[in-house]
Amino acid sequence: MLTKERVLEILKEAGVLLEGHFLLTSGRHSAKYLQCAKIFQHTKYSEELCADLAEKFKDAGVEVVIGPAIGAIQMSYEVSRHLGVKNIFAEREDGKMTLRRGFTIEPGQKVLVVEDVVTTGGSVREVIDIVKQMGGDVVGLGVIVDRTGGKIDFGVPMGSVISIEVESFEKDDCPLCKEGLPLVKPGSRQIKA
């Protein structure tokens, strides 16, 4: 198991933690943003973090790993590689998360859902719903960074490599907006600033 110090060292080395005024996918604002995609530029970091995450679910009987596109595609692969199982991903079509490309989940199949970073968990909830609708058994949720400090509940066992609470604000209550700091939308999902 990785220590919190080692995980923070990796996040720093990989340039994951950004500071400024950010629009999160959830629509909330934050002074900090975790650009977890940067982890996957370096196989030495992704291998270390995903191996740690896979270890948390090694006894769950996982048969397939799934994550939401685009952020968890590489992560799904790397976690599944450590578990020795199949991996797939869900993606948006007409604004709705779905399985495409011939991907399927068999009834009763034990599925691990993965995500790089969780704030409100909207995409994760959509993927969990897809798995359940197809008759799969969600045995857990694995995340690299839990931004809620362990306060979020998806109704399934959750394991994270690191859990840290990063403050975020509704647009109308954002002190960064009141200071007039420019708002930046990093990440992959396009939403209006």
N, C-alpha and C. Protein backbone atom coordinates (compact mmCIF):
# COMPACT_ATOMS: atom_id res chain seq x y z
N MET A 1 0.84 -1.19 0.00
CA MET A 1 0.00 0.00 0.00
C MET A 1 0.88 1.25 0.00
N LEU A 2 0.47 2.20 -0.82
CA LEU A 2 1.21 3.47 -0.89
C LEU A 2 0.89 4.32 0.32
N THR A 3 1.88 5.05 0.79
CA THR A 3 1.64 6.01 1.87
C THR A 3 1.06 7.29 1.28
N LYS A 4 0.37 8.05 2.11
CA LYS A 4 -0.19 9.33 1.67
C LYS A 4 0.94 10.24 1.16
N GLU A 5 2.08 10.20 1.83
CA GLU A 5 3.22 11.02 1.43
C GLU A 5 3.68 10.66 0.02
N ARG A 6 3.77 9.35 -0.28
CA ARG A 6 4.19 8.92 -1.62
C ARG A 6 3.18 9.33 -2.67
N VAL A 7 1.89 9.22 -2.37
CA VAL A 7 0.86 9.61 -3.34
C VAL A 7 0.96 11.11 -3.62
N LEU A 8 1.10 11.91 -2.57
CA LEU A 8 1.23 13.37 -2.76
C LEU A 8 2.49 13.70 -3.56
N GLU A 9 3.56 12.95 -3.32
CA GLU A 9 4.81 13.13 -4.08
C GLU A 9 4.57 12.86 -5.57
N ILE A 10 3.85 11.77 -5.86
CA ILE A 10 3.54 11.44 -7.26
C ILE A 10 2.69 12.54 -7.90
N LEU A 11 1.65 12.99 -7.19
CA LEU A 11 0.77 14.02 -7.73
C LEU A 11 1.55 15.30 -8.01
N LYS A 12 2.49 15.64 -7.13
CA LYS A 12 3.32 16.83 -7.32
C LYS A 12 4.26 16.65 -8.50
N GLU A 13 4.97 15.51 -8.55
CA GLU A 13 5.91 15.24 -9.63
C GLU A 13 5.22 15.24 -11.00
N ALA A 14 4.02 14.70 -11.05
CA ALA A 14 3.28 14.59 -12.32
C ALA A 14 2.59 15.89 -12.72
N GLY A 15 2.61 16.90 -11.86
CA GLY A 15 1.97 18.18 -12.18
C GLY A 15 0.46 18.09 -12.15
N VAL A 16 -0.07 17.24 -11.29
CA VAL A 16 -1.51 16.99 -11.23
C VAL A 16 -2.27 18.10 -10.50
N LEU A 17 -1.71 18.61 -9.41
CA LEU A 17 -2.41 19.60 -8.59
C LEU A 17 -2.17 21.00 -9.13
N LEU A 18 -3.24 21.64 -9.59
CA LEU A 18 -3.18 23.00 -10.13
C LEU A 18 -3.87 23.96 -9.17
N GLU A 19 -3.42 25.21 -9.14
CA GLU A 19 -4.04 26.21 -8.29
C GLU A 19 -4.46 27.40 -9.13
N GLY A 20 -5.61 27.98 -8.81
CA GLY A 20 -6.16 29.11 -9.55
C GLY A 20 -7.64 29.23 -9.27
N HIS A 21 -8.47 29.40 -10.31
CA HIS A 21 -9.93 29.51 -10.21
C HIS A 21 -10.51 28.62 -11.30
N PHE A 22 -11.07 27.47 -10.89
CA PHE A 22 -11.47 26.45 -11.85
C PHE A 22 -12.96 26.15 -11.82
N LEU A 23 -13.51 25.91 -13.00
CA LEU A 23 -14.87 25.42 -13.16
C LEU A 23 -14.80 23.90 -13.25
N LEU A 24 -15.37 23.23 -12.26
CA LEU A 24 -15.37 21.77 -12.22
C LEU A 24 -16.48 21.22 -13.10
N THR A 25 -16.38 19.97 -13.47
CA THR A 25 -17.40 19.32 -14.29
C THR A 25 -18.77 19.38 -13.61
N SER A 26 -18.77 19.37 -12.29
CA SER A 26 -20.01 19.44 -11.51
C SER A 26 -20.69 20.79 -11.62
N GLY A 27 -19.97 21.80 -12.16
CA GLY A 27 -20.50 23.16 -12.22
C GLY A 27 -20.04 24.01 -11.04
N ARG A 28 -19.44 23.38 -10.05
CA ARG A 28 -18.92 24.11 -8.88
C ARG A 28 -17.58 24.74 -9.23
N HIS A 29 -17.15 25.69 -8.40
CA HIS A 29 -15.87 26.37 -8.58
C HIS A 29 -14.92 25.94 -7.48
N SER A 30 -13.61 25.98 -7.77
CA SER A 30 -12.62 25.60 -6.78
C SER A 30 -11.31 26.33 -7.04
N ALA A 31 -10.52 26.54 -5.98
CA ALA A 31 -9.20 27.16 -6.09
C ALA A 31 -8.15 26.11 -6.45
N LYS A 32 -8.52 24.84 -6.38
CA LYS A 32 -7.58 23.76 -6.71
C LYS A 32 -8.24 22.83 -7.72
N TYR A 33 -7.43 22.31 -8.62
CA TYR A 33 -7.92 21.37 -9.61
C TYR A 33 -6.92 20.23 -9.72
N LEU A 34 -7.43 19.03 -9.75
CA LEU A 34 -6.59 17.85 -9.89
C LEU A 34 -6.72 17.34 -11.32
N GLN A 35 -5.70 17.59 -12.12
CA GLN A 35 -5.68 17.15 -13.52
C GLN A 35 -5.07 15.75 -13.57
N CYS A 36 -5.88 14.77 -13.16
CA CYS A 36 -5.39 13.40 -13.02
C CYS A 36 -4.95 12.78 -14.34
N ALA A 37 -5.41 13.32 -15.46
CA ALA A 37 -4.97 12.78 -16.75
C ALA A 37 -3.45 12.85 -16.88
N LYS A 38 -2.83 13.80 -16.20
CA LYS A 38 -1.37 13.93 -16.28
C LYS A 38 -0.65 12.72 -15.69
N ILE A 39 -1.32 12.02 -14.77
CA ILE A 39 -0.73 10.80 -14.21
C ILE A 39 -0.41 9.81 -15.33
N PHE A 40 -1.32 9.72 -16.30
CA PHE A 40 -1.22 8.70 -17.33
C PHE A 40 -0.26 9.05 -18.46
N GLN A 41 0.39 10.21 -18.36
CA GLN A 41 1.48 10.53 -19.29
C GLN A 41 2.73 9.72 -18.95
N HIS A 42 2.79 9.27 -17.70
CA HIS A 42 3.98 8.60 -17.19
C HIS A 42 3.59 7.21 -16.66
N THR A 43 4.01 6.18 -17.36
CA THR A 43 3.62 4.83 -16.96
C THR A 43 4.10 4.49 -15.55
N LYS A 44 5.23 5.07 -15.12
CA LYS A 44 5.72 4.74 -13.77
C LYS A 44 4.73 5.21 -12.71
N TYR A 45 4.04 6.32 -12.93
CA TYR A 45 3.05 6.81 -11.96
C TYR A 45 1.75 6.03 -12.06
N SER A 46 1.26 5.85 -13.29
CA SER A 46 -0.02 5.15 -13.45
C SER A 46 0.09 3.72 -12.97
N GLU A 47 1.21 3.08 -13.23
CA GLU A 47 1.38 1.69 -12.78
C GLU A 47 1.36 1.61 -11.25
N GLU A 48 2.06 2.52 -10.60
CA GLU A 48 2.14 2.50 -9.14
C GLU A 48 0.78 2.78 -8.50
N LEU A 49 0.08 3.80 -9.00
CA LEU A 49 -1.21 4.17 -8.42
C LEU A 49 -2.29 3.13 -8.71
N CYS A 50 -2.33 2.62 -9.94
CA CYS A 50 -3.36 1.64 -10.30
C CYS A 50 -3.10 0.28 -9.66
N ALA A 51 -1.84 -0.06 -9.44
CA ALA A 51 -1.54 -1.30 -8.73
C ALA A 51 -2.05 -1.21 -7.29
N ASP A 52 -1.86 -0.05 -6.68
CA ASP A 52 -2.35 0.16 -5.31
C ASP A 52 -3.87 0.03 -5.27
N LEU A 53 -4.54 0.61 -6.25
CA LEU A 53 -6.00 0.54 -6.31
C LEU A 53 -6.47 -0.90 -6.56
N ALA A 54 -5.83 -1.59 -7.49
CA ALA A 54 -6.19 -2.98 -7.79
C ALA A 54 -6.05 -3.85 -6.55
N GLU A 55 -5.03 -3.59 -5.75
CA GLU A 55 -4.79 -4.36 -4.53
C GLU A 55 -5.98 -4.27 -3.58
N LYS A 56 -6.65 -3.13 -3.55
CA LYS A 56 -7.80 -2.93 -2.66
C LYS A 56 -8.98 -3.82 -3.06
N PHE A 57 -9.02 -4.26 -4.31
CA PHE A 57 -10.15 -5.05 -4.80
C PHE A 57 -9.75 -6.46 -5.25
N LYS A 58 -8.55 -6.90 -4.86
CA LYS A 58 -8.04 -8.20 -5.33
C LYS A 58 -8.89 -9.38 -4.88
N ASP A 59 -9.62 -9.24 -3.77
CA ASP A 59 -10.44 -10.35 -3.27
C ASP A 59 -11.93 -10.17 -3.56
N ALA A 60 -12.28 -9.23 -4.45
CA ALA A 60 -13.69 -8.94 -4.74
C ALA A 60 -14.25 -9.78 -5.89
N GLY A 61 -13.42 -10.61 -6.50
CA GLY A 61 -13.91 -11.45 -7.60
C GLY A 61 -14.17 -10.67 -8.88
N VAL A 62 -13.49 -9.56 -9.08
CA VAL A 62 -13.71 -8.69 -10.24
C VAL A 62 -13.49 -9.49 -11.53
N GLU A 63 -14.46 -9.35 -12.46
CA GLU A 63 -14.35 -9.99 -13.77
C GLU A 63 -14.16 -8.98 -14.90
N VAL A 64 -14.58 -7.75 -14.66
CA VAL A 64 -14.40 -6.69 -15.67
C VAL A 64 -14.28 -5.35 -14.94
N VAL A 65 -13.44 -4.48 -15.51
CA VAL A 65 -13.26 -3.12 -14.98
C VAL A 65 -13.82 -2.16 -16.01
N ILE A 66 -14.60 -1.18 -15.56
CA ILE A 66 -15.19 -0.18 -16.45
C ILE A 66 -15.02 1.21 -15.85
N GLY A 67 -14.78 2.17 -16.73
CA GLY A 67 -14.70 3.56 -16.30
C GLY A 67 -15.33 4.46 -17.34
N PRO A 68 -15.70 5.67 -16.93
CA PRO A 68 -16.26 6.61 -17.89
C PRO A 68 -15.18 7.24 -18.77
N ALA A 69 -15.48 7.36 -20.07
CA ALA A 69 -14.57 8.06 -20.98
C ALA A 69 -14.67 9.55 -20.67
N ILE A 70 -13.67 10.23 -20.78
CA ILE A 70 -12.41 9.88 -21.37
C ILE A 70 -11.37 9.66 -20.27
N GLY A 71 -11.62 10.27 -19.13
CA GLY A 71 -10.65 10.27 -18.05
C GLY A 71 -10.27 8.91 -17.51
N ALA A 72 -11.15 7.94 -17.57
CA ALA A 72 -10.85 6.64 -16.95
C ALA A 72 -10.56 5.53 -17.96
N ILE A 73 -10.38 5.85 -19.22
CA ILE A 73 -10.08 4.81 -20.21
C ILE A 73 -8.74 4.15 -19.90
N GLN A 74 -7.69 4.94 -19.77
CA GLN A 74 -6.37 4.38 -19.48
C GLN A 74 -6.35 3.74 -18.09
N MET A 75 -7.03 4.37 -17.17
CA MET A 75 -7.08 3.86 -15.81
C MET A 75 -7.76 2.49 -15.77
N SER A 76 -8.87 2.36 -16.48
CA SER A 76 -9.59 1.08 -16.54
C SER A 76 -8.66 -0.01 -17.06
N TYR A 77 -7.91 0.32 -18.10
CA TYR A 77 -6.97 -0.65 -18.65
C TYR A 77 -5.92 -1.04 -17.62
N GLU A 78 -5.31 -0.05 -16.98
CA GLU A 78 -4.20 -0.33 -16.06
C GLU A 78 -4.66 -1.10 -14.82
N VAL A 79 -5.82 -0.76 -14.27
CA VAL A 79 -6.34 -1.50 -13.12
C VAL A 79 -6.67 -2.93 -13.53
N SER A 80 -7.29 -3.09 -14.70
CA SER A 80 -7.64 -4.45 -15.16
C SER A 80 -6.40 -5.29 -15.43
N ARG A 81 -5.34 -4.66 -15.90
CA ARG A 81 -4.08 -5.37 -16.15
C ARG A 81 -3.53 -5.95 -14.84
N HIS A 82 -3.62 -5.17 -13.78
CA HIS A 82 -3.13 -5.65 -12.48
C HIS A 82 -4.02 -6.75 -11.90
N LEU A 83 -5.31 -6.71 -12.25
CA LEU A 83 -6.23 -7.74 -11.76
C LEU A 83 -6.30 -8.94 -12.70
N GLY A 84 -5.77 -8.79 -13.91
CA GLY A 84 -5.80 -9.89 -14.88
C GLY A 84 -7.18 -10.14 -15.46
N VAL A 85 -7.98 -9.07 -15.64
CA VAL A 85 -9.34 -9.21 -16.16
C VAL A 85 -9.57 -8.26 -17.35
N LYS A 86 -10.74 -8.39 -17.95
CA LYS A 86 -11.16 -7.57 -19.08
C LYS A 86 -11.44 -6.14 -18.62
N ASN A 87 -11.30 -5.18 -19.56
CA ASN A 87 -11.69 -3.80 -19.27
C ASN A 87 -12.47 -3.22 -20.43
N ILE A 88 -13.40 -2.34 -20.10
CA ILE A 88 -14.20 -1.62 -21.09
C ILE A 88 -14.39 -0.20 -20.58
N PHE A 89 -15.05 0.64 -21.39
CA PHE A 89 -15.37 1.98 -20.94
C PHE A 89 -16.74 2.40 -21.44
N ALA A 90 -17.35 3.31 -20.70
CA ALA A 90 -18.62 3.92 -21.11
C ALA A 90 -18.30 5.29 -21.68
N GLU A 91 -19.12 5.75 -22.59
CA GLU A 91 -18.89 7.07 -23.20
C GLU A 91 -20.21 7.78 -23.45
N ARG A 92 -20.12 9.07 -23.63
CA ARG A 92 -21.32 9.87 -23.86
C ARG A 92 -21.76 9.80 -25.32
N GLU A 93 -23.07 9.63 -25.49
CA GLU A 93 -23.68 9.69 -26.81
C GLU A 93 -24.95 10.52 -26.63
N ASP A 94 -25.02 11.63 -27.32
CA ASP A 94 -26.14 12.56 -27.16
C ASP A 94 -26.31 12.98 -25.69
N GLY A 95 -25.18 13.20 -25.02
CA GLY A 95 -25.19 13.67 -23.64
C GLY A 95 -25.44 12.62 -22.57
N LYS A 96 -25.65 11.37 -22.99
CA LYS A 96 -25.96 10.31 -22.02
C LYS A 96 -24.86 9.24 -22.05
N MET A 97 -24.44 8.81 -20.86
CA MET A 97 -23.42 7.77 -20.75
C MET A 97 -24.01 6.44 -21.23
N THR A 98 -23.25 5.73 -22.07
CA THR A 98 -23.72 4.48 -22.64
C THR A 98 -22.54 3.57 -22.99
N LEU A 99 -22.83 2.31 -23.23
CA LEU A 99 -21.82 1.38 -23.75
C LEU A 99 -21.97 1.35 -25.27
N ARG A 100 -20.86 1.42 -25.97
CA ARG A 100 -20.83 1.35 -27.42
C ARG A 100 -19.73 0.37 -27.82
N ARG A 101 -19.39 0.35 -29.08
CA ARG A 101 -18.26 -0.41 -29.61
C ARG A 101 -18.36 -1.92 -29.35
N GLY A 102 -19.59 -2.40 -29.14
CA GLY A 102 -19.78 -3.82 -28.89
C GLY A 102 -19.48 -4.25 -27.46
N PHE A 103 -19.22 -3.28 -26.56
CA PHE A 103 -18.97 -3.62 -25.17
C PHE A 103 -20.26 -4.10 -24.51
N THR A 104 -20.14 -5.13 -23.68
CA THR A 104 -21.30 -5.65 -22.96
C THR A 104 -20.90 -6.05 -21.54
N ILE A 105 -21.89 -6.17 -20.72
CA ILE A 105 -21.73 -6.70 -19.36
C ILE A 105 -22.74 -7.82 -19.24
N GLU A 106 -22.27 -8.98 -18.86
CA GLU A 106 -23.14 -10.14 -18.73
C GLU A 106 -23.89 -10.10 -17.40
N PRO A 107 -25.14 -10.59 -17.37
CA PRO A 107 -25.86 -10.67 -16.11
C PRO A 107 -25.05 -11.44 -15.06
N GLY A 108 -24.96 -10.86 -13.87
CA GLY A 108 -24.23 -11.49 -12.77
C GLY A 108 -22.73 -11.25 -12.78
N GLN A 109 -22.21 -10.65 -13.86
CA GLN A 109 -20.78 -10.40 -13.95
C GLN A 109 -20.34 -9.41 -12.87
N LYS A 110 -19.24 -9.70 -12.19
CA LYS A 110 -18.73 -8.85 -11.12
C LYS A 110 -17.89 -7.73 -11.72
N VAL A 111 -18.34 -6.49 -11.49
CA VAL A 111 -17.77 -5.32 -12.17
C VAL A 111 -17.20 -4.33 -11.16
N LEU A 112 -15.99 -3.87 -11.45
CA LEU A 112 -15.37 -2.80 -10.69
C LEU A 112 -15.45 -1.54 -11.54
N VAL A 113 -16.07 -0.50 -11.01
CA VAL A 113 -16.14 0.81 -11.68
C VAL A 113 -14.94 1.62 -11.19
N VAL A 114 -14.25 2.30 -12.11
CA VAL A 114 -13.11 3.12 -11.72
C VAL A 114 -13.26 4.54 -12.28
N GLU A 115 -12.65 5.48 -11.57
CA GLU A 115 -12.64 6.89 -12.00
C GLU A 115 -11.37 7.52 -11.45
N ASP A 116 -10.80 8.46 -12.19
CA ASP A 116 -9.56 9.07 -11.74
C ASP A 116 -9.76 10.00 -10.55
N VAL A 117 -10.79 10.84 -10.61
CA VAL A 117 -11.05 11.76 -9.50
C VAL A 117 -12.56 11.89 -9.32
N VAL A 118 -13.01 11.91 -8.06
CA VAL A 118 -14.44 12.04 -7.76
C VAL A 118 -14.66 13.30 -6.94
N THR A 119 -15.61 14.12 -7.42
CA THR A 119 -16.03 15.31 -6.67
C THR A 119 -17.49 15.14 -6.28
N THR A 120 -18.39 15.15 -7.27
CA THR A 120 -19.81 14.90 -7.00
C THR A 120 -20.22 13.51 -7.45
N GLY A 121 -19.45 12.93 -8.36
CA GLY A 121 -19.69 11.55 -8.79
C GLY A 121 -20.77 11.37 -9.83
N GLY A 122 -21.11 12.41 -10.57
CA GLY A 122 -22.16 12.30 -11.57
C GLY A 122 -21.89 11.23 -12.62
N SER A 123 -20.71 11.24 -13.22
CA SER A 123 -20.37 10.26 -14.25
C SER A 123 -20.31 8.86 -13.67
N VAL A 124 -19.77 8.74 -12.45
CA VAL A 124 -19.67 7.43 -11.79
C VAL A 124 -21.07 6.85 -11.57
N ARG A 125 -22.00 7.68 -11.11
CA ARG A 125 -23.37 7.20 -10.88
C ARG A 125 -23.99 6.69 -12.19
N GLU A 126 -23.72 7.39 -13.29
CA GLU A 126 -24.25 6.97 -14.58
C GLU A 126 -23.67 5.61 -14.98
N VAL A 127 -22.38 5.40 -14.74
CA VAL A 127 -21.75 4.12 -15.10
C VAL A 127 -22.28 3.01 -14.21
N ILE A 128 -22.42 3.27 -12.92
CA ILE A 128 -23.00 2.27 -12.01
C ILE A 128 -24.40 1.88 -12.48
N ASP A 129 -25.19 2.86 -12.90
CA ASP A 129 -26.55 2.59 -13.41
C ASP A 129 -26.51 1.70 -14.65
N ILE A 130 -25.57 1.97 -15.57
CA ILE A 130 -25.44 1.15 -16.78
C ILE A 130 -25.15 -0.30 -16.39
N VAL A 131 -24.19 -0.49 -15.48
CA VAL A 131 -23.82 -1.85 -15.06
C VAL A 131 -25.03 -2.56 -14.48
N LYS A 132 -25.77 -1.88 -13.59
CA LYS A 132 -26.94 -2.49 -12.95
C LYS A 132 -28.04 -2.78 -13.97
N GLN A 133 -28.26 -1.86 -14.92
CA GLN A 133 -29.29 -2.07 -15.95
C GLN A 133 -28.99 -3.29 -16.81
N MET A 134 -27.71 -3.59 -16.99
CA MET A 134 -27.32 -4.75 -17.79
C MET A 134 -27.26 -6.03 -16.95
N GLY A 135 -27.57 -5.91 -15.65
CA GLY A 135 -27.59 -7.08 -14.79
C GLY A 135 -26.27 -7.39 -14.12
N GLY A 136 -25.29 -6.50 -14.29
CA GLY A 136 -23.99 -6.70 -13.65
C GLY A 136 -24.05 -6.44 -12.16
N ASP A 137 -23.07 -6.98 -11.45
CA ASP A 137 -22.96 -6.83 -10.01
C ASP A 137 -21.79 -5.88 -9.73
N VAL A 138 -22.09 -4.65 -9.30
CA VAL A 138 -21.04 -3.68 -9.00
C VAL A 138 -20.42 -4.06 -7.65
N VAL A 139 -19.19 -4.59 -7.70
CA VAL A 139 -18.52 -5.04 -6.47
C VAL A 139 -17.75 -3.92 -5.80
N GLY A 140 -17.59 -2.79 -6.51
CA GLY A 140 -16.90 -1.67 -5.89
C GLY A 140 -16.64 -0.54 -6.85
N LEU A 141 -16.19 0.55 -6.26
CA LEU A 141 -15.77 1.73 -7.00
C LEU A 141 -14.35 2.05 -6.56
N GLY A 142 -13.44 2.13 -7.51
CA GLY A 142 -12.07 2.48 -7.22
C GLY A 142 -11.72 3.81 -7.82
N VAL A 143 -11.19 4.73 -7.02
CA VAL A 143 -10.80 6.05 -7.51
C VAL A 143 -9.37 6.34 -7.08
N ILE A 144 -8.67 7.09 -7.90
CA ILE A 144 -7.33 7.52 -7.50
C ILE A 144 -7.46 8.61 -6.44
N VAL A 145 -8.24 9.67 -6.75
CA VAL A 145 -8.39 10.77 -5.81
C VAL A 145 -9.86 10.97 -5.46
N ASP A 146 -10.18 10.84 -4.19
CA ASP A 146 -11.51 11.16 -3.67
C ASP A 146 -11.42 12.58 -3.11
N ARG A 147 -11.99 13.55 -3.85
CA ARG A 147 -11.93 14.96 -3.45
C ARG A 147 -12.87 15.28 -2.30
N THR A 148 -13.72 14.34 -1.90
CA THR A 148 -14.72 14.63 -0.87
C THR A 148 -14.23 14.33 0.54
N GLY A 149 -13.04 13.78 0.65
CA GLY A 149 -12.54 13.40 1.97
C GLY A 149 -13.33 12.25 2.58
N GLY A 150 -13.89 11.38 1.72
CA GLY A 150 -14.64 10.22 2.19
C GLY A 150 -16.09 10.50 2.50
N LYS A 151 -16.60 11.65 2.11
CA LYS A 151 -17.98 12.03 2.45
C LYS A 151 -19.02 11.57 1.44
N ILE A 152 -18.59 11.02 0.30
CA ILE A 152 -19.55 10.63 -0.73
C ILE A 152 -19.86 9.14 -0.60
N ASP A 153 -21.11 8.77 -0.90
CA ASP A 153 -21.55 7.38 -0.80
C ASP A 153 -22.26 6.98 -2.08
N PHE A 154 -21.76 5.93 -2.72
CA PHE A 154 -22.34 5.44 -3.96
C PHE A 154 -23.15 4.16 -3.75
N GLY A 155 -23.26 3.72 -2.51
CA GLY A 155 -24.00 2.50 -2.22
C GLY A 155 -23.25 1.23 -2.56
N VAL A 156 -21.96 1.36 -2.88
CA VAL A 156 -21.08 0.21 -3.14
C VAL A 156 -19.78 0.46 -2.40
N PRO A 157 -19.01 -0.60 -2.12
CA PRO A 157 -17.71 -0.38 -1.46
C PRO A 157 -16.83 0.52 -2.32
N MET A 158 -16.21 1.50 -1.67
CA MET A 158 -15.35 2.44 -2.40
C MET A 158 -13.94 2.40 -1.82
N GLY A 159 -12.97 2.35 -2.72
CA GLY A 159 -11.58 2.42 -2.31
C GLY A 159 -10.90 3.52 -3.10
N SER A 160 -10.07 4.29 -2.42
CA SER A 160 -9.33 5.35 -3.10
C SER A 160 -7.86 5.22 -2.76
N VAL A 161 -7.02 5.70 -3.68
CA VAL A 161 -5.60 5.74 -3.42
C VAL A 161 -5.33 6.86 -2.42
N ILE A 162 -6.04 7.98 -2.58
CA ILE A 162 -5.92 9.08 -1.63
C ILE A 162 -7.27 9.79 -1.52
N SER A 163 -7.60 10.17 -0.30
CA SER A 163 -8.84 10.89 -0.04
C SER A 163 -8.46 12.22 0.60
N ILE A 164 -8.79 13.29 -0.11
CA ILE A 164 -8.50 14.63 0.39
C ILE A 164 -9.72 15.51 0.15
N GLU A 165 -9.97 16.39 1.07
CA GLU A 165 -11.10 17.30 0.89
C GLU A 165 -10.60 18.58 0.25
N VAL A 166 -11.11 18.87 -0.94
CA VAL A 166 -10.77 20.10 -1.65
C VAL A 166 -12.04 20.94 -1.70
N GLU A 167 -11.97 22.11 -1.11
CA GLU A 167 -13.15 22.97 -1.01
C GLU A 167 -13.62 23.41 -2.40
N SER A 168 -14.93 23.38 -2.58
CA SER A 168 -15.53 23.89 -3.82
C SER A 168 -16.76 24.70 -3.46
N PHE A 169 -17.19 25.55 -4.40
CA PHE A 169 -18.25 26.52 -4.13
C PHE A 169 -19.28 26.54 -5.25
N GLU A 170 -20.52 26.84 -4.88
CA GLU A 170 -21.52 27.15 -5.89
C GLU A 170 -21.12 28.49 -6.52
N LYS A 171 -21.46 28.68 -7.78
CA LYS A 171 -21.07 29.90 -8.50
C LYS A 171 -21.43 31.16 -7.73
N ASP A 172 -22.64 31.23 -7.20
CA ASP A 172 -23.11 32.44 -6.51
C ASP A 172 -22.40 32.69 -5.18
N ASP A 173 -21.77 31.66 -4.61
CA ASP A 173 -21.10 31.80 -3.32
C ASP A 173 -19.58 31.76 -3.46
N CYS A 174 -19.05 31.84 -4.67
CA CYS A 174 -17.63 31.65 -4.91
C CYS A 174 -16.82 32.91 -4.57
N PRO A 175 -15.92 32.81 -3.57
CA PRO A 175 -15.09 33.96 -3.22
C PRO A 175 -14.09 34.32 -4.33
N LEU A 176 -13.73 33.36 -5.16
CA LEU A 176 -12.80 33.61 -6.26
C LEU A 176 -13.47 34.47 -7.34
N CYS A 177 -14.76 34.24 -7.57
CA CYS A 177 -15.51 35.08 -8.51
C CYS A 177 -15.59 36.50 -7.97
N LYS A 178 -15.85 36.60 -6.67
CA LYS A 178 -15.97 37.92 -6.03
C LYS A 178 -14.66 38.69 -6.11
N GLU A 179 -13.52 37.96 -6.11
CA GLU A 179 -12.21 38.60 -6.26
C GLU A 179 -11.92 38.97 -7.71
N GLY A 180 -12.75 38.48 -8.64
CA GLY A 180 -12.57 38.78 -10.05
C GLY A 180 -11.50 37.94 -10.73
N LEU A 181 -11.12 36.82 -10.11
CA LEU A 181 -10.12 35.94 -10.73
C LEU A 181 -10.71 35.27 -11.97
N PRO A 182 -9.95 35.19 -13.06
CA PRO A 182 -10.47 34.55 -14.27
C PRO A 182 -10.78 33.07 -14.03
N LEU A 183 -11.91 32.63 -14.58
CA LEU A 183 -12.37 31.26 -14.42
C LEU A 183 -11.83 30.40 -15.56
N VAL A 184 -11.26 29.25 -15.22
CA VAL A 184 -10.67 28.34 -16.19
C VAL A 184 -11.43 27.02 -16.13
N LYS A 185 -11.74 26.44 -17.31
CA LYS A 185 -12.37 25.13 -17.38
C LYS A 185 -11.36 24.13 -17.94
N PRO A 186 -10.63 23.44 -17.03
CA PRO A 186 -9.74 22.39 -17.54
C PRO A 186 -10.56 21.13 -17.77
N GLY A 187 -9.94 20.00 -17.92
CA GLY A 187 -10.67 18.73 -18.06
C GLY A 187 -11.17 18.50 -19.46
N SER A 188 -11.97 17.45 -19.61
CA SER A 188 -12.38 16.99 -20.94
C SER A 188 -13.83 17.28 -21.28
N ARG A 189 -14.66 17.52 -20.28
CA ARG A 189 -16.08 17.68 -20.53
C ARG A 189 -16.40 19.15 -20.73
N GLN A 190 -17.02 19.47 -21.84
CA GLN A 190 -17.33 20.86 -22.13
C GLN A 190 -18.64 21.28 -21.49
N ILE A 191 -18.53 22.25 -20.59
CA ILE A 191 -19.72 22.85 -19.97
C ILE A 191 -19.53 24.35 -20.05
N LYS A 192 -20.60 25.09 -19.97
CA LYS A 192 -20.51 26.54 -20.09
C LYS A 192 -20.01 27.17 -18.81
N ALA A 193 -19.04 28.07 -18.94
CA ALA A 193 -18.45 28.76 -17.78
C ALA A 193 -19.42 29.80 -17.23
